[in-house]
N, C-alpha and C. Protein backbone atom coordinates (compact mmCIF):
# COMPACT_ATOMS: atom_id res chain seq x y z
N MET A 1 -32.30 0.33 5.60
CA MET A 1 -32.70 0.06 6.94
C MET A 1 -33.03 1.34 7.67
N ALA A 2 -34.21 1.27 8.22
CA ALA A 2 -34.75 2.48 8.87
C ALA A 2 -34.17 2.57 10.32
N SER A 3 -34.19 3.85 10.74
CA SER A 3 -33.72 4.03 12.19
C SER A 3 -34.41 5.26 12.73
N ASP A 4 -34.70 5.17 14.08
CA ASP A 4 -35.47 6.18 14.72
C ASP A 4 -34.50 7.39 15.07
N ASN A 5 -33.20 7.31 15.06
CA ASN A 5 -32.30 8.18 15.44
C ASN A 5 -31.92 9.15 14.12
N SER A 6 -32.16 10.45 14.41
CA SER A 6 -31.94 11.32 13.20
C SER A 6 -30.91 12.36 13.42
N ASP A 7 -30.08 12.24 14.48
CA ASP A 7 -29.09 13.18 14.86
C ASP A 7 -27.88 13.10 13.90
N THR A 8 -27.76 14.20 13.11
CA THR A 8 -26.72 14.14 11.95
C THR A 8 -25.75 15.24 12.24
N SER A 9 -25.57 15.73 13.38
CA SER A 9 -24.89 17.12 13.62
C SER A 9 -23.36 16.79 13.72
N SER A 10 -22.92 15.61 13.83
CA SER A 10 -21.49 15.40 14.20
C SER A 10 -20.62 15.46 13.12
N SER A 11 -21.00 15.07 11.85
CA SER A 11 -20.17 14.97 10.76
C SER A 11 -20.94 14.98 9.36
N ARG A 12 -20.14 14.86 8.38
CA ARG A 12 -20.82 14.72 7.10
C ARG A 12 -21.66 13.33 7.04
N ASP A 13 -22.66 13.42 6.26
CA ASP A 13 -23.47 12.31 6.08
C ASP A 13 -22.99 11.37 4.89
N PRO A 14 -22.30 10.31 5.24
CA PRO A 14 -21.80 9.56 4.12
C PRO A 14 -22.73 9.06 3.13
N ALA A 15 -24.07 8.96 3.49
CA ALA A 15 -25.03 8.49 2.71
C ALA A 15 -25.39 9.62 1.60
N GLN A 16 -25.18 10.93 1.92
CA GLN A 16 -25.46 11.92 0.97
C GLN A 16 -24.23 12.49 0.36
N ASP A 17 -22.97 12.34 0.91
CA ASP A 17 -21.80 12.97 0.52
C ASP A 17 -20.73 12.03 0.14
N PRO A 18 -20.34 11.75 -1.00
CA PRO A 18 -19.30 10.70 -1.29
C PRO A 18 -17.98 10.98 -0.56
N SER A 19 -17.64 12.24 -0.37
CA SER A 19 -16.35 12.47 0.29
C SER A 19 -16.61 12.12 1.89
N GLY A 20 -17.85 12.04 2.24
CA GLY A 20 -18.14 11.58 3.56
C GLY A 20 -17.65 10.18 3.65
N LEU A 21 -17.98 9.32 2.63
CA LEU A 21 -17.56 7.93 2.72
C LEU A 21 -16.04 7.87 2.76
N GLU A 22 -15.33 8.65 2.01
CA GLU A 22 -13.91 8.69 2.02
C GLU A 22 -13.34 9.01 3.52
N GLU A 23 -14.09 9.98 4.04
CA GLU A 23 -13.74 10.30 5.41
C GLU A 23 -13.84 9.15 6.38
N LEU A 24 -14.90 8.40 6.07
CA LEU A 24 -15.24 7.23 7.01
C LEU A 24 -14.10 6.26 6.69
N LEU A 25 -13.78 5.97 5.57
CA LEU A 25 -12.71 4.97 5.32
C LEU A 25 -11.44 5.46 5.95
N ARG A 26 -11.06 6.86 5.84
CA ARG A 26 -9.86 7.33 6.45
C ARG A 26 -9.84 7.10 7.98
N ARG A 27 -10.95 7.38 8.60
CA ARG A 27 -10.93 7.19 9.96
C ARG A 27 -10.88 5.83 10.40
N ALA A 28 -11.49 4.81 9.60
CA ALA A 28 -11.49 3.46 9.91
C ALA A 28 -9.95 3.04 9.92
N ARG A 29 -9.14 3.50 8.86
CA ARG A 29 -7.78 3.20 8.85
C ARG A 29 -6.95 3.75 10.01
N GLU A 30 -7.31 5.03 10.35
CA GLU A 30 -6.60 5.70 11.35
C GLU A 30 -6.85 5.07 12.70
N ASN A 31 -7.87 4.36 13.01
CA ASN A 31 -8.29 3.87 14.24
C ASN A 31 -8.06 2.34 14.38
N GLY A 32 -7.30 1.89 13.43
CA GLY A 32 -6.85 0.36 13.60
C GLY A 32 -7.50 -0.53 12.49
N GLY A 33 -8.37 -0.03 11.81
CA GLY A 33 -9.12 -0.98 10.79
C GLY A 33 -8.16 -1.46 9.80
N GLY A 34 -7.21 -0.82 9.49
CA GLY A 34 -6.22 -1.24 8.34
C GLY A 34 -5.14 -2.10 8.92
N GLY A 35 -4.93 -2.30 10.09
CA GLY A 35 -3.96 -3.14 10.80
C GLY A 35 -4.35 -4.48 10.94
N LYS A 36 -3.47 -5.29 11.77
CA LYS A 36 -3.82 -6.60 12.14
C LYS A 36 -4.87 -6.66 13.21
N GLY A 37 -4.92 -5.79 14.12
CA GLY A 37 -5.84 -5.80 15.15
C GLY A 37 -7.25 -5.22 14.74
N LEU A 38 -8.11 -5.31 15.61
CA LEU A 38 -9.51 -4.74 15.44
C LEU A 38 -9.75 -3.50 16.24
N PRO A 39 -10.33 -2.51 15.62
CA PRO A 39 -10.68 -1.29 16.38
C PRO A 39 -11.58 -1.52 17.59
N PRO A 40 -11.55 -0.87 18.67
CA PRO A 40 -12.41 -1.04 19.71
C PRO A 40 -13.82 -0.41 19.53
N VAL A 41 -14.52 -0.91 18.58
CA VAL A 41 -15.89 -0.26 18.23
C VAL A 41 -16.82 -0.35 19.43
N ASP A 42 -16.72 -1.30 20.34
CA ASP A 42 -17.73 -1.40 21.38
C ASP A 42 -17.47 -0.32 22.32
N LYS A 43 -16.30 0.32 22.34
CA LYS A 43 -16.03 1.43 23.35
C LYS A 43 -16.41 2.83 22.81
N TRP A 44 -16.87 2.95 21.52
CA TRP A 44 -17.08 4.16 20.86
C TRP A 44 -18.60 4.37 21.04
N ASN A 45 -18.93 5.72 21.22
CA ASN A 45 -20.33 6.12 21.28
C ASN A 45 -20.61 7.38 20.63
N PRO A 46 -20.38 7.38 19.14
CA PRO A 46 -20.57 8.46 18.48
C PRO A 46 -22.04 8.80 18.04
N ASP A 47 -22.26 10.01 17.61
CA ASP A 47 -23.70 10.30 17.07
C ASP A 47 -23.93 9.64 15.83
N PHE A 48 -25.30 9.14 15.74
CA PHE A 48 -25.91 8.55 14.62
C PHE A 48 -25.82 9.64 13.34
N CYS A 49 -25.36 9.13 12.29
CA CYS A 49 -25.27 10.16 11.07
C CYS A 49 -26.13 9.67 9.78
N GLY A 50 -27.19 8.87 10.08
CA GLY A 50 -28.01 8.37 8.92
C GLY A 50 -27.67 7.15 8.55
N ASP A 51 -28.54 6.53 7.63
CA ASP A 51 -28.36 5.23 6.92
C ASP A 51 -27.51 5.35 5.54
N LEU A 52 -26.65 4.42 5.39
CA LEU A 52 -25.79 4.35 4.11
C LEU A 52 -26.43 3.32 3.21
N ASP A 53 -26.37 3.56 1.99
CA ASP A 53 -26.86 2.52 0.96
C ASP A 53 -25.86 1.54 0.78
N MET A 54 -25.70 0.69 1.84
CA MET A 54 -24.77 -0.34 1.91
C MET A 54 -25.42 -1.63 2.42
N VAL A 55 -25.30 -2.70 1.65
CA VAL A 55 -25.86 -3.88 1.90
C VAL A 55 -24.96 -5.11 1.96
N ILE A 56 -25.13 -5.87 2.94
CA ILE A 56 -24.43 -7.22 3.04
C ILE A 56 -25.39 -8.33 2.61
N LYS A 57 -25.14 -8.83 1.31
CA LYS A 57 -26.02 -9.76 0.82
C LYS A 57 -26.01 -11.21 1.54
N ARG A 58 -27.01 -12.03 1.29
CA ARG A 58 -27.05 -13.33 1.94
C ARG A 58 -25.80 -14.21 1.61
N ASP A 59 -25.29 -13.98 0.46
CA ASP A 59 -24.10 -14.73 0.03
C ASP A 59 -22.69 -14.13 0.49
N GLY A 60 -22.72 -13.00 1.29
CA GLY A 60 -21.66 -12.41 1.98
C GLY A 60 -21.07 -11.26 1.06
N THR A 61 -21.56 -10.91 -0.13
CA THR A 61 -21.28 -9.83 -1.04
C THR A 61 -21.74 -8.59 -0.53
N TRP A 62 -20.77 -7.61 -0.46
CA TRP A 62 -21.10 -6.22 -0.07
C TRP A 62 -21.50 -5.42 -1.23
N PHE A 63 -22.51 -4.65 -1.16
CA PHE A 63 -22.99 -3.62 -2.20
C PHE A 63 -22.95 -2.36 -1.55
N TYR A 64 -22.63 -1.36 -2.51
CA TYR A 64 -22.68 0.08 -2.19
C TYR A 64 -23.35 0.85 -3.35
N ASN A 65 -24.47 1.42 -2.99
CA ASN A 65 -25.13 2.21 -4.01
C ASN A 65 -25.64 1.14 -5.19
N GLY A 66 -26.02 -0.06 -4.81
CA GLY A 66 -26.35 -1.01 -5.77
C GLY A 66 -25.25 -1.61 -6.58
N THR A 67 -24.06 -1.42 -6.26
CA THR A 67 -22.92 -1.90 -6.92
C THR A 67 -22.10 -2.87 -6.10
N PRO A 68 -21.71 -4.03 -6.36
CA PRO A 68 -20.81 -4.81 -5.65
C PRO A 68 -19.49 -4.18 -5.35
N ILE A 69 -19.04 -4.34 -4.09
CA ILE A 69 -17.70 -3.79 -3.78
C ILE A 69 -16.71 -4.86 -4.03
N GLY A 70 -15.98 -4.81 -5.18
CA GLY A 70 -15.11 -5.85 -5.58
C GLY A 70 -13.77 -5.98 -5.01
N ARG A 71 -13.39 -4.86 -4.23
CA ARG A 71 -12.04 -4.86 -3.64
C ARG A 71 -12.06 -5.52 -2.31
N ALA A 72 -11.39 -6.75 -2.09
CA ALA A 72 -11.37 -7.48 -0.97
C ALA A 72 -10.80 -6.69 0.18
N PRO A 73 -9.68 -5.91 -0.04
CA PRO A 73 -9.20 -5.09 1.20
C PRO A 73 -10.11 -4.07 1.67
N LEU A 74 -10.90 -3.52 0.72
CA LEU A 74 -11.94 -2.51 1.17
C LEU A 74 -13.04 -3.17 2.06
N VAL A 75 -13.51 -4.26 1.52
CA VAL A 75 -14.54 -4.99 2.35
C VAL A 75 -14.05 -5.44 3.73
N ARG A 76 -12.76 -5.90 3.70
CA ARG A 76 -12.18 -6.20 4.95
C ARG A 76 -12.20 -5.06 5.92
N LEU A 77 -11.74 -3.83 5.36
CA LEU A 77 -11.67 -2.69 6.21
C LEU A 77 -13.02 -2.33 6.83
N PHE A 78 -14.07 -2.37 6.04
CA PHE A 78 -15.42 -2.08 6.39
C PHE A 78 -15.87 -3.09 7.55
N SER A 79 -15.49 -4.28 7.37
CA SER A 79 -15.78 -5.25 8.18
C SER A 79 -15.24 -5.15 9.74
N THR A 80 -14.10 -4.39 9.76
CA THR A 80 -13.49 -4.20 11.05
C THR A 80 -14.19 -3.12 11.90
N ILE A 81 -15.03 -2.32 11.22
CA ILE A 81 -15.84 -1.29 12.03
C ILE A 81 -17.26 -1.65 12.18
N LEU A 82 -17.64 -2.85 11.87
CA LEU A 82 -18.98 -3.27 12.09
C LEU A 82 -19.30 -3.36 13.56
N ARG A 83 -20.63 -3.02 13.82
CA ARG A 83 -21.25 -3.33 15.11
C ARG A 83 -22.60 -3.46 15.11
N LYS A 84 -23.15 -4.47 15.73
CA LYS A 84 -24.57 -4.64 15.92
C LYS A 84 -24.94 -4.26 17.29
N ASP A 85 -25.88 -3.27 17.48
CA ASP A 85 -26.35 -2.92 18.69
C ASP A 85 -27.48 -3.49 19.26
N GLU A 86 -27.96 -3.22 20.44
CA GLU A 86 -29.03 -3.83 21.23
C GLU A 86 -30.34 -3.58 20.42
N ASP A 87 -30.35 -2.56 19.57
CA ASP A 87 -31.62 -2.36 18.73
C ASP A 87 -31.77 -3.30 17.66
N GLY A 88 -30.73 -4.20 17.44
CA GLY A 88 -30.84 -5.20 16.42
C GLY A 88 -30.32 -4.79 15.11
N LYS A 89 -29.94 -3.56 14.98
CA LYS A 89 -29.49 -2.94 13.73
C LYS A 89 -27.90 -2.93 13.70
N THR A 90 -27.30 -2.93 12.46
CA THR A 90 -26.01 -2.93 12.25
C THR A 90 -25.36 -1.57 11.76
N TYR A 91 -24.31 -1.29 12.20
CA TYR A 91 -23.70 -0.05 12.02
C TYR A 91 -22.19 -0.08 11.58
N LEU A 92 -21.75 0.95 10.69
CA LEU A 92 -20.33 1.06 10.63
C LEU A 92 -19.94 2.26 11.68
N VAL A 93 -18.94 1.97 12.49
CA VAL A 93 -18.63 2.90 13.71
C VAL A 93 -17.26 3.29 13.65
N THR A 94 -17.04 4.63 13.80
CA THR A 94 -15.74 5.19 14.16
C THR A 94 -15.87 6.04 15.38
N PRO A 95 -14.87 6.65 15.85
CA PRO A 95 -14.93 7.45 17.07
C PRO A 95 -15.90 8.67 16.86
N VAL A 96 -16.23 9.06 15.68
CA VAL A 96 -16.95 10.30 15.38
C VAL A 96 -18.26 10.19 14.65
N GLU A 97 -18.61 8.99 14.18
CA GLU A 97 -19.80 8.67 13.44
C GLU A 97 -20.25 7.33 13.55
N LYS A 98 -21.61 7.14 13.30
CA LYS A 98 -22.27 5.94 13.39
C LYS A 98 -23.32 5.82 12.15
N VAL A 99 -23.04 5.01 11.11
CA VAL A 99 -23.97 4.96 10.02
C VAL A 99 -24.48 3.59 9.96
N GLY A 100 -25.89 3.53 9.66
CA GLY A 100 -26.64 2.26 9.57
C GLY A 100 -26.37 1.57 8.19
N ILE A 101 -26.31 0.22 8.17
CA ILE A 101 -26.21 -0.48 6.82
C ILE A 101 -27.33 -1.54 6.99
N THR A 102 -27.51 -2.18 5.87
CA THR A 102 -28.51 -3.39 5.85
C THR A 102 -27.77 -4.60 5.71
N VAL A 103 -28.21 -5.65 6.54
CA VAL A 103 -27.71 -7.04 6.48
C VAL A 103 -28.82 -7.96 6.15
N GLU A 104 -28.70 -8.62 5.11
CA GLU A 104 -29.85 -9.42 4.56
C GLU A 104 -30.02 -10.73 5.52
N ASP A 105 -28.81 -11.22 5.90
CA ASP A 105 -28.79 -12.45 6.87
C ASP A 105 -27.81 -12.42 7.78
N ALA A 106 -26.54 -12.83 7.59
CA ALA A 106 -25.52 -12.72 8.58
C ALA A 106 -24.44 -11.70 8.08
N HIS A 107 -23.58 -11.35 9.02
CA HIS A 107 -22.68 -10.27 8.67
C HIS A 107 -21.43 -10.88 7.91
N PHE A 108 -21.16 -12.11 8.21
CA PHE A 108 -20.06 -12.80 7.57
C PHE A 108 -20.45 -14.07 6.86
N LEU A 109 -19.72 -14.68 6.16
CA LEU A 109 -19.99 -16.12 5.57
C LEU A 109 -18.78 -16.96 5.96
N ALA A 110 -18.99 -18.08 6.68
CA ALA A 110 -17.85 -19.02 7.11
C ALA A 110 -17.68 -19.94 5.88
N VAL A 111 -16.48 -19.83 5.29
CA VAL A 111 -16.10 -20.39 4.02
C VAL A 111 -15.27 -21.67 4.19
N GLU A 112 -14.55 -21.79 5.44
CA GLU A 112 -13.76 -22.95 5.56
C GLU A 112 -13.86 -23.43 7.04
N MET A 113 -13.80 -24.71 7.15
CA MET A 113 -13.78 -25.31 8.65
C MET A 113 -12.51 -26.11 8.95
N GLY A 114 -12.12 -26.01 10.13
CA GLY A 114 -10.96 -26.82 10.49
C GLY A 114 -10.97 -27.24 11.97
N GLU A 115 -9.92 -27.78 12.48
CA GLU A 115 -9.81 -28.22 13.85
C GLU A 115 -8.49 -28.01 14.39
N ASP A 116 -8.39 -27.50 15.70
CA ASP A 116 -7.24 -27.11 16.32
C ASP A 116 -6.62 -28.39 17.05
N ASP A 117 -5.52 -28.35 17.68
CA ASP A 117 -4.92 -29.33 18.32
C ASP A 117 -5.69 -29.86 19.46
N ASP A 118 -6.70 -29.17 20.06
CA ASP A 118 -7.47 -29.60 21.12
C ASP A 118 -8.76 -30.10 20.68
N GLY A 119 -8.93 -30.31 19.32
CA GLY A 119 -10.11 -30.82 18.84
C GLY A 119 -11.42 -29.79 18.71
N ARG A 120 -10.94 -28.58 18.87
CA ARG A 120 -12.07 -27.53 18.69
C ARG A 120 -12.20 -27.09 17.28
N LEU A 121 -13.32 -26.94 16.82
CA LEU A 121 -13.66 -26.44 15.51
C LEU A 121 -13.26 -25.08 15.31
N THR A 122 -12.69 -24.75 14.17
CA THR A 122 -12.34 -23.43 13.70
C THR A 122 -13.10 -23.09 12.35
N PHE A 123 -13.39 -21.88 12.26
CA PHE A 123 -14.06 -21.40 11.02
C PHE A 123 -13.28 -20.16 10.42
N ARG A 124 -13.01 -20.16 9.12
CA ARG A 124 -12.55 -18.93 8.63
C ARG A 124 -13.62 -18.28 7.77
N THR A 125 -13.70 -16.90 7.89
CA THR A 125 -14.83 -16.09 7.30
C THR A 125 -14.37 -15.61 5.96
N ASN A 126 -15.26 -15.04 5.24
CA ASN A 126 -15.02 -14.53 3.85
C ASN A 126 -14.18 -13.20 3.95
N VAL A 127 -13.98 -12.59 5.12
CA VAL A 127 -13.18 -11.42 5.27
C VAL A 127 -11.90 -11.81 6.13
N GLY A 128 -11.59 -12.98 6.26
CA GLY A 128 -10.33 -13.37 6.95
C GLY A 128 -10.23 -13.58 8.37
N ASP A 129 -11.51 -13.36 9.16
CA ASP A 129 -11.51 -13.77 10.53
C ASP A 129 -11.39 -15.21 10.68
N VAL A 130 -10.62 -15.64 11.77
CA VAL A 130 -10.63 -17.01 12.18
C VAL A 130 -11.21 -17.19 13.55
N VAL A 131 -12.24 -18.08 13.65
CA VAL A 131 -12.94 -18.14 14.95
C VAL A 131 -12.80 -19.63 15.43
N THR A 132 -12.55 -19.66 16.77
CA THR A 132 -12.43 -21.04 17.42
C THR A 132 -13.80 -21.14 18.18
N VAL A 133 -14.48 -22.39 17.88
CA VAL A 133 -15.77 -22.42 18.61
C VAL A 133 -15.52 -22.80 20.06
N ASP A 134 -16.21 -21.97 20.97
CA ASP A 134 -15.98 -22.29 22.34
C ASP A 134 -17.31 -21.49 23.08
N ASP A 135 -17.14 -21.24 24.37
CA ASP A 135 -18.21 -20.66 25.03
C ASP A 135 -18.45 -19.26 24.54
N ASP A 136 -17.52 -18.58 24.15
CA ASP A 136 -17.54 -17.18 23.81
C ASP A 136 -17.85 -17.11 22.26
N HIS A 137 -17.82 -18.19 21.51
CA HIS A 137 -18.05 -18.16 20.11
C HIS A 137 -18.69 -19.49 19.78
N PRO A 138 -20.02 -19.50 20.24
CA PRO A 138 -20.83 -20.77 20.09
C PRO A 138 -21.45 -20.98 18.68
N ILE A 139 -21.82 -22.04 18.27
CA ILE A 139 -22.65 -22.46 17.15
C ILE A 139 -24.08 -22.44 17.43
N ARG A 140 -24.88 -21.82 16.75
CA ARG A 140 -26.42 -21.90 16.88
C ARG A 140 -26.98 -22.46 15.62
N PHE A 141 -28.04 -23.11 15.68
CA PHE A 141 -28.74 -23.71 14.51
C PHE A 141 -30.16 -23.19 14.43
N ASP A 142 -30.50 -22.59 13.17
CA ASP A 142 -31.85 -22.14 13.06
C ASP A 142 -32.45 -22.91 11.86
N ILE A 143 -33.72 -23.23 12.04
CA ILE A 143 -34.42 -23.93 11.08
C ILE A 143 -35.57 -23.16 10.66
N SER A 144 -35.64 -22.67 9.42
CA SER A 144 -36.65 -21.72 8.90
C SER A 144 -36.85 -21.80 7.49
N GLY A 145 -37.89 -21.10 7.08
CA GLY A 145 -38.28 -21.07 5.65
C GLY A 145 -39.33 -22.09 5.33
N GLU A 146 -39.81 -22.11 4.09
CA GLU A 146 -40.89 -23.01 3.79
C GLU A 146 -40.43 -24.46 3.72
N ASN A 147 -39.06 -24.64 3.46
CA ASN A 147 -38.48 -25.99 3.34
C ASN A 147 -37.83 -26.33 4.63
N ASP A 148 -38.11 -25.66 5.77
CA ASP A 148 -37.36 -26.02 6.94
C ASP A 148 -35.82 -25.97 6.92
N GLU A 149 -35.34 -25.02 6.15
CA GLU A 149 -33.89 -25.03 5.81
C GLU A 149 -32.91 -24.89 7.13
N LEU A 150 -31.91 -25.79 7.29
CA LEU A 150 -31.10 -25.82 8.32
C LEU A 150 -30.05 -24.69 8.09
N LYS A 151 -29.81 -23.68 9.12
CA LYS A 151 -28.84 -22.76 8.90
C LYS A 151 -27.95 -22.54 10.13
N PRO A 152 -26.80 -22.95 10.02
CA PRO A 152 -25.80 -22.85 11.20
C PRO A 152 -25.19 -21.54 11.13
N TYR A 153 -25.01 -20.93 12.35
CA TYR A 153 -24.38 -19.69 12.64
C TYR A 153 -23.23 -19.85 13.75
N VAL A 154 -22.10 -19.16 13.51
CA VAL A 154 -21.10 -19.07 14.50
C VAL A 154 -20.91 -17.64 14.94
N LEU A 155 -20.90 -17.38 16.31
CA LEU A 155 -20.56 -16.03 16.70
C LEU A 155 -19.27 -15.65 16.58
N VAL A 156 -18.90 -14.53 15.84
CA VAL A 156 -17.67 -14.26 15.45
C VAL A 156 -17.04 -13.20 16.69
N ARG A 157 -17.82 -12.06 16.84
CA ARG A 157 -17.40 -11.15 18.01
C ARG A 157 -18.58 -10.24 18.21
N GLY A 158 -18.71 -9.72 19.51
CA GLY A 158 -19.95 -8.93 19.73
C GLY A 158 -21.19 -9.62 19.53
N ARG A 159 -22.05 -8.98 18.56
CA ARG A 159 -23.22 -9.53 18.13
C ARG A 159 -23.13 -10.00 16.69
N LEU A 160 -22.03 -10.03 16.21
CA LEU A 160 -21.73 -10.35 14.72
C LEU A 160 -21.60 -11.83 14.47
N GLU A 161 -22.36 -12.46 13.62
CA GLU A 161 -22.32 -13.76 13.29
C GLU A 161 -21.89 -14.06 11.89
N ALA A 162 -21.44 -15.25 11.61
CA ALA A 162 -21.11 -15.76 10.38
C ALA A 162 -22.13 -16.92 10.07
N LEU A 163 -22.70 -16.91 8.88
CA LEU A 163 -23.49 -17.98 8.42
C LEU A 163 -22.64 -19.09 7.63
N LEU A 164 -22.75 -20.22 8.02
CA LEU A 164 -21.84 -21.27 7.30
C LEU A 164 -22.27 -21.46 5.84
N ALA A 165 -21.48 -21.34 4.98
CA ALA A 165 -21.60 -21.58 3.64
C ALA A 165 -22.13 -22.97 3.45
N ARG A 166 -22.99 -23.28 2.47
CA ARG A 166 -23.58 -24.63 2.28
C ARG A 166 -22.53 -25.76 2.31
N PRO A 167 -21.39 -25.70 1.46
CA PRO A 167 -20.54 -26.76 1.69
C PRO A 167 -19.91 -27.00 2.98
N VAL A 168 -19.68 -25.91 3.73
CA VAL A 168 -19.14 -25.96 5.12
C VAL A 168 -20.24 -26.53 6.03
N MET A 169 -21.39 -26.24 5.80
CA MET A 169 -22.58 -26.77 6.60
C MET A 169 -22.67 -28.29 6.45
N TYR A 170 -22.57 -28.73 5.18
CA TYR A 170 -22.59 -30.20 5.04
C TYR A 170 -21.31 -30.87 5.53
N GLU A 171 -20.26 -30.29 5.63
CA GLU A 171 -19.09 -30.77 6.36
C GLU A 171 -19.27 -30.84 7.73
N LEU A 172 -19.96 -29.82 8.34
CA LEU A 172 -20.22 -29.88 9.81
C LEU A 172 -21.32 -30.93 10.11
N VAL A 173 -22.37 -31.11 9.34
CA VAL A 173 -23.24 -32.18 9.59
C VAL A 173 -22.56 -33.57 9.49
N GLU A 174 -21.68 -33.72 8.61
CA GLU A 174 -20.94 -35.04 8.53
C GLU A 174 -20.30 -35.31 9.88
N ARG A 175 -19.91 -34.42 10.62
CA ARG A 175 -19.18 -34.62 11.84
C ARG A 175 -20.15 -34.80 12.99
N GLY A 176 -21.46 -34.66 12.68
CA GLY A 176 -22.49 -34.76 13.83
C GLY A 176 -22.68 -36.18 14.28
N GLU A 177 -23.25 -36.27 15.49
CA GLU A 177 -23.56 -37.56 16.16
C GLU A 177 -24.65 -37.50 16.95
N GLU A 178 -25.28 -38.59 17.29
CA GLU A 178 -26.31 -38.65 18.37
C GLU A 178 -25.82 -38.63 19.72
N ILE A 179 -26.23 -37.72 20.58
CA ILE A 179 -25.83 -37.42 21.81
C ILE A 179 -26.99 -37.33 22.90
N GLU A 180 -26.79 -38.15 23.94
CA GLU A 180 -27.82 -37.93 25.00
C GLU A 180 -27.65 -36.62 25.77
N MET A 181 -28.77 -35.89 25.81
CA MET A 181 -28.77 -34.54 26.55
C MET A 181 -29.97 -34.36 27.21
N ASP A 182 -30.03 -34.37 28.66
CA ASP A 182 -31.22 -34.15 29.34
C ASP A 182 -32.30 -35.12 29.15
N GLY A 183 -31.96 -36.31 28.95
CA GLY A 183 -32.79 -37.32 28.75
C GLY A 183 -33.47 -37.61 27.36
N ARG A 184 -32.79 -36.79 26.54
CA ARG A 184 -33.40 -36.89 25.09
C ARG A 184 -32.15 -37.09 24.15
N THR A 185 -32.47 -37.78 22.99
CA THR A 185 -31.37 -37.94 22.03
C THR A 185 -31.31 -36.90 21.06
N MET A 186 -30.15 -36.24 21.06
CA MET A 186 -30.09 -35.04 20.23
C MET A 186 -28.97 -35.31 19.12
N PHE A 187 -29.19 -34.75 18.02
CA PHE A 187 -28.09 -34.77 16.92
C PHE A 187 -27.35 -33.53 17.04
N GLY A 188 -25.97 -33.71 17.20
CA GLY A 188 -25.19 -32.38 17.67
C GLY A 188 -23.85 -32.61 17.07
N VAL A 189 -22.99 -31.54 17.43
CA VAL A 189 -21.56 -31.51 17.05
C VAL A 189 -20.65 -31.22 18.26
N ARG A 190 -19.53 -31.71 18.23
CA ARG A 190 -18.61 -31.42 19.24
C ARG A 190 -17.57 -30.55 18.82
N SER A 191 -17.13 -29.60 19.79
CA SER A 191 -15.93 -28.75 19.56
C SER A 191 -15.17 -28.86 20.92
N GLY A 192 -14.01 -29.61 20.78
CA GLY A 192 -13.42 -29.91 22.00
C GLY A 192 -14.26 -30.70 23.05
N LYS A 193 -14.39 -30.33 24.14
CA LYS A 193 -15.29 -30.88 25.27
C LYS A 193 -16.71 -30.35 25.22
N GLN A 194 -16.96 -29.49 24.30
CA GLN A 194 -18.23 -28.85 24.36
C GLN A 194 -19.13 -29.52 23.14
N VAL A 195 -20.55 -29.61 23.53
CA VAL A 195 -21.49 -30.05 22.54
C VAL A 195 -22.40 -29.03 22.15
N PHE A 196 -22.74 -29.00 20.95
CA PHE A 196 -23.68 -28.09 20.40
C PHE A 196 -24.76 -28.64 19.72
N PRO A 197 -26.02 -28.95 20.35
CA PRO A 197 -27.21 -29.52 19.77
C PRO A 197 -27.61 -28.96 18.46
N MET A 198 -27.86 -29.73 17.55
CA MET A 198 -28.51 -29.20 16.36
C MET A 198 -29.96 -29.39 16.45
N MET A 199 -30.46 -30.53 16.54
CA MET A 199 -31.95 -30.81 16.68
C MET A 199 -32.07 -32.18 17.27
N PRO A 200 -33.30 -32.39 17.86
CA PRO A 200 -33.65 -33.85 18.29
C PRO A 200 -33.44 -34.77 17.09
N ALA A 201 -32.83 -35.93 17.47
CA ALA A 201 -32.49 -36.97 16.48
C ALA A 201 -33.74 -37.42 15.73
N ASP A 202 -34.89 -37.59 16.34
CA ASP A 202 -36.07 -37.97 15.79
C ASP A 202 -36.55 -37.04 14.66
N GLU A 203 -36.34 -35.68 15.02
CA GLU A 203 -36.73 -34.62 14.02
C GLU A 203 -35.78 -34.63 12.78
N LEU A 204 -34.50 -34.98 13.12
CA LEU A 204 -33.64 -35.05 12.02
C LEU A 204 -34.05 -36.11 11.04
N ALA A 205 -34.45 -37.27 11.68
CA ALA A 205 -34.80 -38.48 10.79
C ALA A 205 -35.95 -38.12 9.94
N THR A 206 -36.92 -37.43 10.54
CA THR A 206 -38.19 -36.75 9.77
C THR A 206 -37.79 -35.89 8.61
N GLN A 207 -36.83 -35.03 8.88
CA GLN A 207 -36.37 -34.03 8.00
C GLN A 207 -35.75 -34.72 6.77
N VAL A 208 -34.87 -35.74 7.08
CA VAL A 208 -34.10 -36.55 6.03
C VAL A 208 -35.20 -37.19 5.24
N ALA A 209 -36.16 -37.82 5.73
CA ALA A 209 -37.12 -38.55 5.07
C ALA A 209 -37.94 -37.54 4.07
N LYS A 210 -38.22 -36.31 4.60
CA LYS A 210 -38.86 -35.44 3.89
C LYS A 210 -38.06 -34.88 2.61
N ASP A 211 -36.75 -34.80 2.85
CA ASP A 211 -35.88 -34.34 1.68
C ASP A 211 -35.66 -35.36 0.64
N ASN A 212 -35.72 -36.62 1.08
CA ASN A 212 -35.61 -37.69 0.15
C ASN A 212 -36.97 -38.19 -0.48
N ALA A 213 -37.93 -37.59 0.00
CA ALA A 213 -39.30 -38.02 -0.64
C ALA A 213 -39.48 -37.58 -2.03
């Protein structure tokens, strides 16, 4: 991922110095990434230290220098210091450095869906976050690609989203219903008292017919 910011004066560049990556991990642990809470990454404003050869793949797998990171606790630790800024780019952030990484689709993958006592939908991500769907954590639906693929996302925190894994997406669609909204029949899902429209019902019927053709 390219960046216009080239200030590397504050610390070692983790992308060029393996010991710098170890320092990044150490600072993540020291600042709360290793505990139950989440570090206050939105309050930190460190210098940019370059881009790291780290990629979050579409299936939620993390890669470093072309190799999958197989240790779940390590992936969890990195995930706690993720931040997506207004420039649309994603960074690993500590109080003293900010390094860019590449995200192919979403930051997380929602791998399990549930419902709380108030009828609100909940999702568990591949890194262990549990999100309750509400005003602060809405679901959005994107239809893209050559085959008009439906891709639901839930906002986890900040600007970080989770893409629903395909089995979870099918489970969500099964809960959908036709709902009248602003004079148009929409197909959507409910979370508690809130409604999240997926698409116009007539467009859904057209999509289903296309898929079954």
